[in-house]
Amino acid sequence: MFGSFASSRLALTLRRLRGRFGISAPRVAVRTHLPWYWRALSVIVLSGASLALAGWIYDAGQRFAGFRQGDSEQEIAEMRARIVQLEAELEGARKVANASESRLRIESTSQERLATQIRTLEEQNALLKSDLATFESLAGGETGNSGLAISRLQVNPTGDGQYRYRLLLAQTGDKKDRDKEFKGMIQVLATVQRGKETGMIQFPSAGDPAADQYQVIFRYFRRLEGSFNVGAGARILRVEVRLVQDGVVKATQSVAL
């Protein structure tokens, strides 16, 4: 009985040994034990290598695509410098343009003033030539026996019944008579139509406080201008101007409107 117990125990031990070291034994892995700091160092080295490799791949991709960060930064700096230069040139061009525009405005204003002066001088010259021709014709004996004449009578409306006249007075007699100073006045007679009625208005009228404005004193010749008012709604048909001395009419001229 002791022998059978011993043999069964031995058989059990053998089975255990076969299960651990035999074909059906479980697989085991043999690992070398490393300290933690070596493992951390290896992880850091591998991470750095991975980052370096990734950076190299990225840079290679940029070079392959024709784009490099250093070159682009340099180009951007050059473009910024060029922009600053162009802005400075633009500001200078604006200043020159403003100065040129100011000079052009001044020159244009000066030219306009000069053109206005030229037109005024031409008008005055033409008027003087006309007055001279009129005076020469008057001096040649184309007047009456009074030795006085009225010529170049012009009457123009200025609005609201107001009219302005302009005329030339001249002494056309002998030299002895022309040397004398004429003192008299002018009278303006306007034939006026209001509706269907027609009448005559004289300036200055009797008792007119502005009668002194119609007094004239001249020697040889004189250009005379003045104005009168016939009232709104009236239409002038004819204007006659008389040169009066001591109540005697010395010369007349009329014009139809």
C-alpha atoms as a PDB file:
ATOM      1  CA  MET A   1       0.000   0.000   0.000  1.00  0.00           C
ATOM      2  CA  PHE A   2       2.899   2.327   0.732  1.00  0.00           C
ATOM      3  CA  GLY A   3       4.412   1.374  -2.586  1.00  0.00           C
ATOM      4  CA  SER A   4       1.280   2.265  -4.524  1.00  0.00           C
ATOM      5  CA  PHE A   5       1.062   5.662  -2.821  1.00  0.00           C
ATOM      6  CA  ALA A   6       4.672   6.398  -3.640  1.00  0.00           C
ATOM      7  CA  SER A   7       4.209   5.377  -7.240  1.00  0.00           C
ATOM      8  CA  SER A   8       1.124   7.573  -7.646  1.00  0.00           C
ATOM      9  CA  ARG A   9       2.925  10.537  -6.141  1.00  0.00           C
ATOM     10  CA  LEU A  10       5.829  10.043  -8.486  1.00  0.00           C
ATOM     11  CA  ALA A  11       3.493   9.784 -11.429  1.00  0.00           C
ATOM     12  CA  LEU A  12       1.865  13.081 -10.429  1.00  0.00           C
ATOM     13  CA  THR A  13       5.227  14.750 -10.154  1.00  0.00           C
ATOM     14  CA  LEU A  14       6.225  13.485 -13.547  1.00  0.00           C
ATOM     15  CA  ARG A  15       3.040  14.776 -15.095  1.00  0.00           C
ATOM     16  CA  ARG A  16       3.702  18.204 -13.620  1.00  0.00           C
ATOM     17  CA  LEU A  17       7.211  18.228 -14.961  1.00  0.00           C
ATOM     18  CA  ARG A  18       6.003  17.196 -18.402  1.00  0.00           C
ATOM     19  CA  GLY A  19       3.351  19.907 -18.329  1.00  0.00           C
ATOM     20  CA  ARG A  20       5.957  22.548 -17.455  1.00  0.00           C
ATOM     21  CA  PHE A  21       8.884  21.466 -19.593  1.00  0.00           C
ATOM     22  CA  GLY A  22       7.288  19.328 -22.258  1.00  0.00           C
ATOM     23  CA  ILE A  23       5.765  20.104 -25.614  1.00  0.00           C
ATOM     24  CA  SER A  24       2.532  21.237 -24.033  1.00  0.00           C
ATOM     25  CA  ALA A  25       4.331  23.531 -21.591  1.00  0.00           C
ATOM     26  CA  PRO A  26       3.204  27.289 -21.749  1.00  0.00           C
ATOM     27  CA  ARG A  27       5.423  29.728 -23.620  1.00  0.00           C
ATOM     28  CA  VAL A  28       7.541  32.098 -21.633  1.00  0.00           C
ATOM     29  CA  ALA A  29       9.307  35.309 -22.722  1.00  0.00           C
ATOM     30  CA  VAL A  30      12.724  36.217 -21.506  1.00  0.00           C
ATOM     31  CA  ARG A  31      13.196  39.940 -21.128  1.00  0.00           C
ATOM     32  CA  THR A  32      16.215  41.912 -20.151  1.00  0.00           C
ATOM     33  CA  HIS A  33      15.448  44.297 -17.346  1.00  0.00           C
ATOM     34  CA  LEU A  34      16.356  48.015 -18.113  1.00  0.00           C
ATOM     35  CA  PRO A  35      16.205  50.921 -15.694  1.00  0.00           C
ATOM     36  CA  TRP A  36      13.403  53.489 -16.267  1.00  0.00           C
ATOM     37  CA  TYR A  37      15.738  56.328 -17.092  1.00  0.00           C
ATOM     38  CA  TRP A  38      17.238  54.404 -19.985  1.00  0.00           C
ATOM     39  CA  ARG A  39      13.796  53.707 -21.277  1.00  0.00           C
ATOM     40  CA  ALA A  40      12.871  57.466 -20.965  1.00  0.00           C
ATOM     41  CA  LEU A  41      16.094  58.454 -22.722  1.00  0.00           C
ATOM     42  CA  SER A  42      15.338  56.088 -25.588  1.00  0.00           C
ATOM     43  CA  VAL A  43      11.833  57.556 -25.921  1.00  0.00           C
ATOM     44  CA  ILE A  44      13.252  61.104 -26.031  1.00  0.00           C
ATOM     45  CA  VAL A  45      15.858  60.134 -28.620  1.00  0.00           C
ATOM     46  CA  LEU A  46      13.259  58.432 -30.804  1.00  0.00           C
ATOM     47  CA  SER A  47      10.880  61.445 -30.499  1.00  0.00           C
ATOM     48  CA  GLY A  48      13.643  63.886 -31.433  1.00  0.00           C
ATOM     49  CA  ALA A  49      14.634  61.756 -34.387  1.00  0.00           C
ATOM     50  CA  SER A  50      10.995  61.605 -35.496  1.00  0.00           C
ATOM     51  CA  LEU A  51      10.630  65.387 -35.256  1.00  0.00           C
ATOM     52  CA  ALA A  52      13.874  65.960 -37.137  1.00  0.00           C
ATOM     53  CA  LEU A  53      12.770  63.520 -39.823  1.00  0.00           C
ATOM     54  CA  ALA A  54       9.389  65.252 -40.067  1.00  0.00           C
ATOM     55  CA  GLY A  55      11.054  68.666 -40.375  1.00  0.00           C
ATOM     56  CA  TRP A  56      13.374  67.385 -43.053  1.00  0.00           C
ATOM     57  CA  ILE A  57      10.469  65.883 -44.963  1.00  0.00           C
ATOM     58  CA  TYR A  58       8.521  69.186 -44.670  1.00  0.00           C
ATOM     59  CA  ASP A  59      11.492  71.253 -45.852  1.00  0.00           C
ATOM     60  CA  ALA A  60      12.122  68.828 -48.674  1.00  0.00           C
ATOM     61  CA  GLY A  61       8.483  69.112 -49.687  1.00  0.00           C
ATOM     62  CA  GLN A  62       8.720  72.920 -49.717  1.00  0.00           C
ATOM     63  CA  ARG A  63      11.885  72.808 -51.816  1.00  0.00           C
ATOM     64  CA  PHE A  64      10.246  70.332 -54.147  1.00  0.00           C
ATOM     65  CA  ALA A  65       7.212  72.631 -54.483  1.00  0.00           C
ATOM     66  CA  GLY A  66       9.446  75.663 -55.127  1.00  0.00           C
ATOM     67  CA  PHE A  67       8.716  77.368 -51.807  1.00  0.00           C
ATOM     68  CA  ARG A  68      11.267  78.046 -49.097  1.00  0.00           C
ATOM     69  CA  GLN A  69      10.458  79.944 -45.945  1.00  0.00           C
ATOM     70  CA  GLY A  70      13.747  81.810 -45.859  1.00  0.00           C
ATOM     71  CA  ASP A  71      13.385  82.919 -49.462  1.00  0.00           C
ATOM     72  CA  SER A  72       9.755  83.942 -48.918  1.00  0.00           C
ATOM     73  CA  GLU A  73      10.655  86.016 -45.865  1.00  0.00           C
ATOM     74  CA  GLN A  74      13.361  87.755 -47.855  1.00  0.00           C
ATOM     75  CA  GLU A  75      10.956  88.423 -50.721  1.00  0.00           C
ATOM     76  CA  ILE A  76       8.354  89.772 -48.280  1.00  0.00           C
ATOM     77  CA  ALA A  77      10.946  92.101 -46.751  1.00  0.00           C
ATOM     78  CA  GLU A  78      11.969  93.296 -50.223  1.00  0.00           C
ATOM     79  CA  MET A  79       8.320  93.859 -51.160  1.00  0.00           C
ATOM     80  CA  ARG A  80       7.721  95.856 -47.990  1.00  0.00           C
ATOM     81  CA  ALA A  81      10.774  97.994 -48.698  1.00  0.00           C
ATOM     82  CA  ARG A  82       9.548  98.482 -52.267  1.00  0.00           C
ATOM     83  CA  ILE A  83       6.101  99.502 -50.991  1.00  0.00           C
ATOM     84  CA  VAL A  84       7.672 102.073 -48.665  1.00  0.00           C
ATOM     85  CA  GLN A  85       9.717 103.428 -51.570  1.00  0.00           C
ATOM     86  CA  LEU A  86       6.685 103.598 -53.862  1.00  0.00           C
ATOM     87  CA  GLU A  87       4.641 105.359 -51.173  1.00  0.00           C
ATOM     88  CA  ALA A  88       7.410 107.944 -50.793  1.00  0.00           C
ATOM     89  CA  GLU A  89       7.539 108.423 -54.574  1.00  0.00           C
ATOM     90  CA  LEU A  90       3.740 108.702 -54.687  1.00  0.00           C
ATOM     91  CA  GLU A  91       3.747 111.351 -51.953  1.00  0.00           C
ATOM     92  CA  GLY A  92       6.401 113.293 -53.834  1.00  0.00           C
ATOM     93  CA  ALA A  93       4.404 113.029 -57.053  1.00  0.00           C
ATOM     94  CA  ARG A  94       1.292 114.268 -55.231  1.00  0.00           C
ATOM     95  CA  LYS A  95       3.169 117.280 -53.918  1.00  0.00           C
ATOM     96  CA  VAL A  96       4.476 118.062 -57.391  1.00  0.00           C
ATOM     97  CA  ALA A  97       0.978 117.604 -58.841  1.00  0.00           C
ATOM     98  CA  ASN A  98      -0.552 119.886 -56.206  1.00  0.00           C
ATOM     99  CA  ALA A  99       2.101 122.521 -56.850  1.00  0.00           C
ATOM    100  CA  SER A 100       1.571 122.191 -60.600  1.00  0.00           C
ATOM    101  CA  GLU A 101      -2.193 122.414 -60.149  1.00  0.00           C
ATOM    102  CA  SER A 102      -1.784 125.555 -58.044  1.00  0.00           C
ATOM    103  CA  ARG A 103       0.454 127.091 -60.692  1.00  0.00           C
ATOM    104  CA  LEU A 104      -2.028 126.123 -63.389  1.00  0.00           C
ATOM    105  CA  ARG A 105      -4.878 127.705 -61.422  1.00  0.00           C
ATOM    106  CA  ILE A 106      -2.840 130.867 -60.937  1.00  0.00           C
ATOM    107  CA  GLU A 107      -1.872 130.912 -64.607  1.00  0.00           C
ATOM    108  CA  SER A 108      -5.469 130.209 -65.631  1.00  0.00           C
ATOM    109  CA  THR A 109      -6.741 133.026 -63.406  1.00  0.00           C
ATOM    110  CA  SER A 110      -4.075 135.351 -64.758  1.00  0.00           C
ATOM    111  CA  GLN A 111      -4.967 134.399 -68.315  1.00  0.00           C
ATOM    112  CA  GLU A 112      -8.662 134.979 -67.636  1.00  0.00           C
ATOM    113  CA  ARG A 113      -7.926 138.374 -66.135  1.00  0.00           C
ATOM    114  CA  LEU A 114      -5.649 139.226 -69.026  1.00  0.00           C
ATOM    115  CA  ALA A 115      -8.302 138.095 -71.523  1.00  0.00           C
ATOM    116  CA  THR A 116     -10.903 140.220 -69.709  1.00  0.00           C
ATOM    117  CA  GLN A 117      -8.587 143.220 -69.763  1.00  0.00           C
ATOM    118  CA  ILE A 118      -7.889 142.648 -73.450  1.00  0.00           C
ATOM    119  CA  ARG A 119     -11.621 142.474 -74.221  1.00  0.00           C
ATOM    120  CA  THR A 120     -12.232 145.614 -72.179  1.00  0.00           C
ATOM    121  CA  LEU A 121      -9.403 147.434 -73.936  1.00  0.00           C
ATOM    122  CA  GLU A 122     -10.656 146.271 -77.329  1.00  0.00           C
ATOM    123  CA  GLU A 123     -14.157 147.512 -76.508  1.00  0.00           C
ATOM    124  CA  GLN A 124     -12.792 150.830 -75.275  1.00  0.00           C
ATOM    125  CA  ASN A 125     -10.587 151.111 -78.334  1.00  0.00           C
ATOM    126  CA  ALA A 126     -13.494 150.383 -80.650  1.00  0.00           C
ATOM    127  CA  LEU A 127     -15.626 152.897 -78.746  1.00  0.00           C
ATOM    128  CA  LEU A 128     -12.920 155.545 -78.959  1.00  0.00           C
ATOM    129  CA  LYS A 129     -12.489 154.932 -82.657  1.00  0.00           C
ATOM    130  CA  SER A 130     -16.217 155.239 -83.156  1.00  0.00           C
ATOM    131  CA  ASP A 131     -16.329 158.390 -81.032  1.00  0.00           C
ATOM    132  CA  LEU A 132     -13.390 159.817 -82.972  1.00  0.00           C
ATOM    133  CA  ALA A 133     -15.046 159.070 -86.295  1.00  0.00           C
ATOM    134  CA  THR A 134     -18.268 160.621 -85.035  1.00  0.00           C
ATOM    135  CA  PHE A 135     -16.437 163.679 -83.741  1.00  0.00           C
ATOM    136  CA  GLU A 136     -14.537 164.057 -87.013  1.00  0.00           C
ATOM    137  CA  SER A 137     -17.787 163.855 -88.962  1.00  0.00           C
ATOM    138  CA  LEU A 138     -19.354 166.409 -86.633  1.00  0.00           C
ATOM    139  CA  ALA A 139     -16.355 168.666 -86.935  1.00  0.00           C
ATOM    140  CA  GLY A 140     -16.601 168.386 -90.717  1.00  0.00           C
ATOM    141  CA  GLY A 141     -19.866 170.315 -90.712  1.00  0.00           C
ATOM    142  CA  GLU A 142     -22.457 167.528 -90.540  1.00  0.00           C
ATOM    143  CA  THR A 143     -24.526 169.453 -87.955  1.00  0.00           C
ATOM    144  CA  GLY A 144     -26.836 172.409 -87.743  1.00  0.00           C
ATOM    145  CA  ASN A 145     -26.054 176.062 -87.219  1.00  0.00           C
ATOM    146  CA  SER A 146     -25.967 175.861 -83.418  1.00  0.00           C
ATOM    147  CA  GLY A 147     -22.476 174.444 -83.350  1.00  0.00           C
ATOM    148  CA  LEU A 148     -23.662 171.658 -80.994  1.00  0.00           C
ATOM    149  CA  ALA A 149     -24.570 168.065 -81.757  1.00  0.00           C
ATOM    150  CA  ILE A 150     -25.828 164.901 -80.093  1.00  0.00           C
ATOM    151  CA  SER A 151     -24.696 161.592 -81.583  1.00  0.00           C
ATOM    152  CA  ARG A 152     -24.422 157.869 -80.820  1.00  0.00           C
ATOM    153  CA  LEU A 153     -27.600 157.818 -78.729  1.00  0.00           C
ATOM    154  CA  GLN A 154     -28.235 154.359 -77.253  1.00  0.00           C
ATOM    155  CA  VAL A 155     -31.082 153.345 -74.893  1.00  0.00           C
ATOM    156  CA  ASN A 156     -31.186 149.894 -73.301  1.00  0.00           C
ATOM    157  CA  PRO A 157     -33.619 148.396 -70.760  1.00  0.00           C
ATOM    158  CA  THR A 158     -32.191 147.149 -67.458  1.00  0.00           C
ATOM    159  CA  GLY A 159     -35.392 145.702 -65.967  1.00  0.00           C
ATOM    160  CA  ASP A 160     -38.463 146.808 -63.948  1.00  0.00           C
ATOM    161  CA  GLY A 161     -39.111 149.844 -66.142  1.00  0.00           C
ATOM    162  CA  GLN A 162     -35.519 151.059 -65.780  1.00  0.00           C
ATOM    163  CA  TYR A 163     -33.643 152.253 -68.875  1.00  0.00           C
ATOM    164  CA  ARG A 164     -30.086 153.384 -69.382  1.00  0.00           C
ATOM    165  CA  TYR A 165     -28.947 155.802 -72.073  1.00  0.00           C
ATOM    166  CA  ARG A 166     -25.572 156.766 -73.491  1.00  0.00           C
ATOM    167  CA  LEU A 167     -24.717 159.539 -75.922  1.00  0.00           C
ATOM    168  CA  LEU A 168     -21.957 161.822 -77.186  1.00  0.00           C
ATOM    169  CA  LEU A 169     -22.113 165.613 -76.989  1.00  0.00           C
ATOM    170  CA  ALA A 170     -19.861 167.721 -79.190  1.00  0.00           C
ATOM    171  CA  GLN A 171     -19.202 171.351 -80.125  1.00  0.00           C
ATOM    172  CA  THR A 172     -18.768 171.566 -83.881  1.00  0.00           C
ATOM    173  CA  GLY A 173     -18.660 175.281 -84.636  1.00  0.00           C
ATOM    174  CA  ASP A 174     -15.680 177.521 -85.259  1.00  0.00           C
ATOM    175  CA  LYS A 175     -12.580 177.175 -83.159  1.00  0.00           C
ATOM    176  CA  LYS A 176     -13.495 180.325 -81.251  1.00  0.00           C
ATOM    177  CA  ASP A 177     -16.882 178.837 -80.405  1.00  0.00           C
ATOM    178  CA  ARG A 178     -15.426 175.442 -79.517  1.00  0.00           C
ATOM    179  CA  ASP A 179     -13.033 177.048 -77.056  1.00  0.00           C
ATOM    180  CA  LYS A 180     -16.003 178.307 -75.081  1.00  0.00           C
ATOM    181  CA  GLU A 181     -17.349 176.101 -72.302  1.00  0.00           C
ATOM    182  CA  PHE A 182     -20.904 174.953 -72.822  1.00  0.00           C
ATOM    183  CA  LYS A 183     -23.234 175.044 -69.811  1.00  0.00           C
ATOM    184  CA  GLY A 184     -26.718 173.670 -70.140  1.00  0.00           C
ATOM    185  CA  MET A 185     -28.741 170.540 -69.551  1.00  0.00           C
ATOM    186  CA  ILE A 186     -30.233 167.620 -71.380  1.00  0.00           C
ATOM    187  CA  GLN A 187     -33.852 166.585 -71.517  1.00  0.00           C
ATOM    188  CA  VAL A 188     -35.063 163.043 -72.154  1.00  0.00           C
ATOM    189  CA  LEU A 189     -38.521 162.625 -73.701  1.00  0.00           C
ATOM    190  CA  ALA A 190     -39.848 159.058 -73.731  1.00  0.00           C
ATOM    191  CA  THR A 191     -42.907 158.022 -75.718  1.00  0.00           C
ATOM    192  CA  VAL A 192     -44.490 155.360 -73.518  1.00  0.00           C
ATOM    193  CA  GLN A 193     -47.292 152.885 -74.157  1.00  0.00           C
ATOM    194  CA  ARG A 194     -49.343 151.377 -71.297  1.00  0.00           C
ATOM    195  CA  GLY A 195     -51.933 148.987 -72.614  1.00  0.00           C
ATOM    196  CA  LYS A 196     -53.764 150.885 -75.345  1.00  0.00           C
ATOM    197  CA  GLU A 197     -52.780 154.342 -74.088  1.00  0.00           C
ATOM    198  CA  THR A 198     -49.736 156.204 -75.342  1.00  0.00           C
ATOM    199  CA  GLY A 199     -48.171 159.195 -73.650  1.00  0.00           C
ATOM    200  CA  MET A 200     -44.938 161.120 -73.241  1.00  0.00           C
ATOM    201  CA  ILE A 201     -42.797 161.397 -70.118  1.00  0.00           C
ATOM    202  CA  GLN A 202     -40.107 164.045 -69.733  1.00  0.00           C
ATOM    203  CA  PHE A 203     -36.964 163.728 -67.608  1.00  0.00           C
ATOM    204  CA  PRO A 204     -36.320 165.744 -65.564  1.00  0.00           C
ATOM    205  CA  SER A 205     -39.897 166.679 -64.857  1.00  0.00           C
ATOM    206  CA  ALA A 206     -40.955 170.007 -63.376  1.00  0.00           C
ATOM    207  CA  GLY A 207     -39.820 170.224 -59.771  1.00  0.00           C
ATOM    208  CA  ASP A 208     -37.736 167.058 -60.026  1.00  0.00           C
ATOM    209  CA  PRO A 209     -35.245 167.086 -57.091  1.00  0.00           C
ATOM    210  CA  ALA A 210     -32.802 165.117 -59.243  1.00  0.00           C
ATOM    211  CA  ALA A 211     -32.718 167.764 -61.979  1.00  0.00           C
ATOM    212  CA  ASP A 212     -29.072 168.558 -61.190  1.00  0.00           C
ATOM    213  CA  GLN A 213     -28.129 165.159 -62.587  1.00  0.00           C
ATOM    214  CA  TYR A 214     -29.139 166.367 -66.044  1.00  0.00           C
ATOM    215  CA  GLN A 215     -26.896 169.444 -65.972  1.00  0.00           C
ATOM    216  CA  VAL A 216     -23.920 169.239 -68.391  1.00  0.00           C
ATOM    217  CA  ILE A 217     -20.756 171.270 -68.718  1.00  0.00           C
ATOM    218  CA  PHE A 218     -18.214 170.437 -71.395  1.00  0.00           C
ATOM    219  CA  ARG A 219     -15.756 171.813 -73.921  1.00  0.00           C
ATOM    220  CA  TYR A 220     -15.183 170.223 -77.340  1.00  0.00           C
ATOM    221  CA  PHE A 221     -17.017 166.934 -76.612  1.00  0.00           C
ATOM    222  CA  ARG A 222     -18.228 164.728 -73.804  1.00  0.00           C
ATOM    223  CA  ARG A 223     -19.587 161.212 -73.444  1.00  0.00           C
ATOM    224  CA  LEU A 224     -22.648 161.148 -71.205  1.00  0.00           C
ATOM    225  CA  GLU A 225     -24.478 158.267 -69.489  1.00  0.00           C
ATOM    226  CA  GLY A 226     -27.564 158.170 -67.297  1.00  0.00           C
ATOM    227  CA  SER A 227     -30.762 156.301 -66.468  1.00  0.00           C
ATOM    228  CA  PHE A 228     -34.495 156.906 -66.036  1.00  0.00           C
ATOM    229  CA  ASN A 229     -37.507 154.885 -64.925  1.00  0.00           C
ATOM    230  CA  VAL A 230     -40.911 154.811 -66.641  1.00  0.00           C
ATOM    231  CA  GLY A 231     -42.483 152.290 -64.257  1.00  0.00           C
ATOM    232  CA  ALA A 232     -43.186 148.604 -64.555  1.00  0.00           C
ATOM    233  CA  GLY A 233     -45.616 147.483 -67.258  1.00  0.00           C
ATOM    234  CA  ALA A 234     -44.781 150.386 -69.586  1.00  0.00           C
ATOM    235  CA  ARG A 235     -43.168 149.959 -72.989  1.00  0.00           C
ATOM    236  CA  ILE A 236     -41.069 152.691 -74.548  1.00  0.00           C
ATOM    237  CA  LEU A 237     -41.657 153.298 -78.227  1.00  0.00           C
ATOM    238  CA  ARG A 238     -39.279 156.183 -78.808  1.00  0.00           C
ATOM    239  CA  VAL A 239     -36.723 158.259 -76.908  1.00  0.00           C
ATOM    240  CA  GLU A 240     -35.625 161.786 -77.814  1.00  0.00           C
ATOM    241  CA  VAL A 241     -32.754 163.583 -76.148  1.00  0.00           C
ATOM    242  CA  ARG A 242     -32.459 167.378 -76.290  1.00  0.00           C
ATOM    243  CA  LEU A 243     -29.539 169.609 -75.454  1.00  0.00           C
ATOM    244  CA  VAL A 244     -30.945 172.784 -73.905  1.00  0.00           C
ATOM    245  CA  GLN A 245     -29.228 176.061 -73.019  1.00  0.00           C
ATOM    246  CA  ASP A 246     -31.124 178.928 -71.389  1.00  0.00           C
ATOM    247  CA  GLY A 247     -34.428 177.309 -72.359  1.00  0.00           C
ATOM    248  CA  VAL A 248     -33.431 177.030 -76.025  1.00  0.00           C
ATOM    249  CA  VAL A 249     -33.021 173.621 -77.684  1.00  0.00           C
ATOM    250  CA  LYS A 250     -29.556 173.548 -79.279  1.00  0.00           C
ATOM    251  CA  ALA A 251     -29.466 169.944 -80.577  1.00  0.00           C
ATOM    252  CA  THR A 252     -31.647 166.826 -80.596  1.00  0.00           C
ATOM    253  CA  GLN A 253     -31.419 163.168 -81.454  1.00  0.00           C
ATOM    254  CA  SER A 254     -34.004 160.381 -81.174  1.00  0.00           C
ATOM    255  CA  VAL A 255     -34.025 156.624 -81.389  1.00  0.00           C
ATOM    256  CA  ALA A 256     -36.856 154.121 -81.754  1.00  0.00           C
ATOM    257  CA  LEU A 257     -36.988 151.039 -79.552  1.00  0.00           C
END
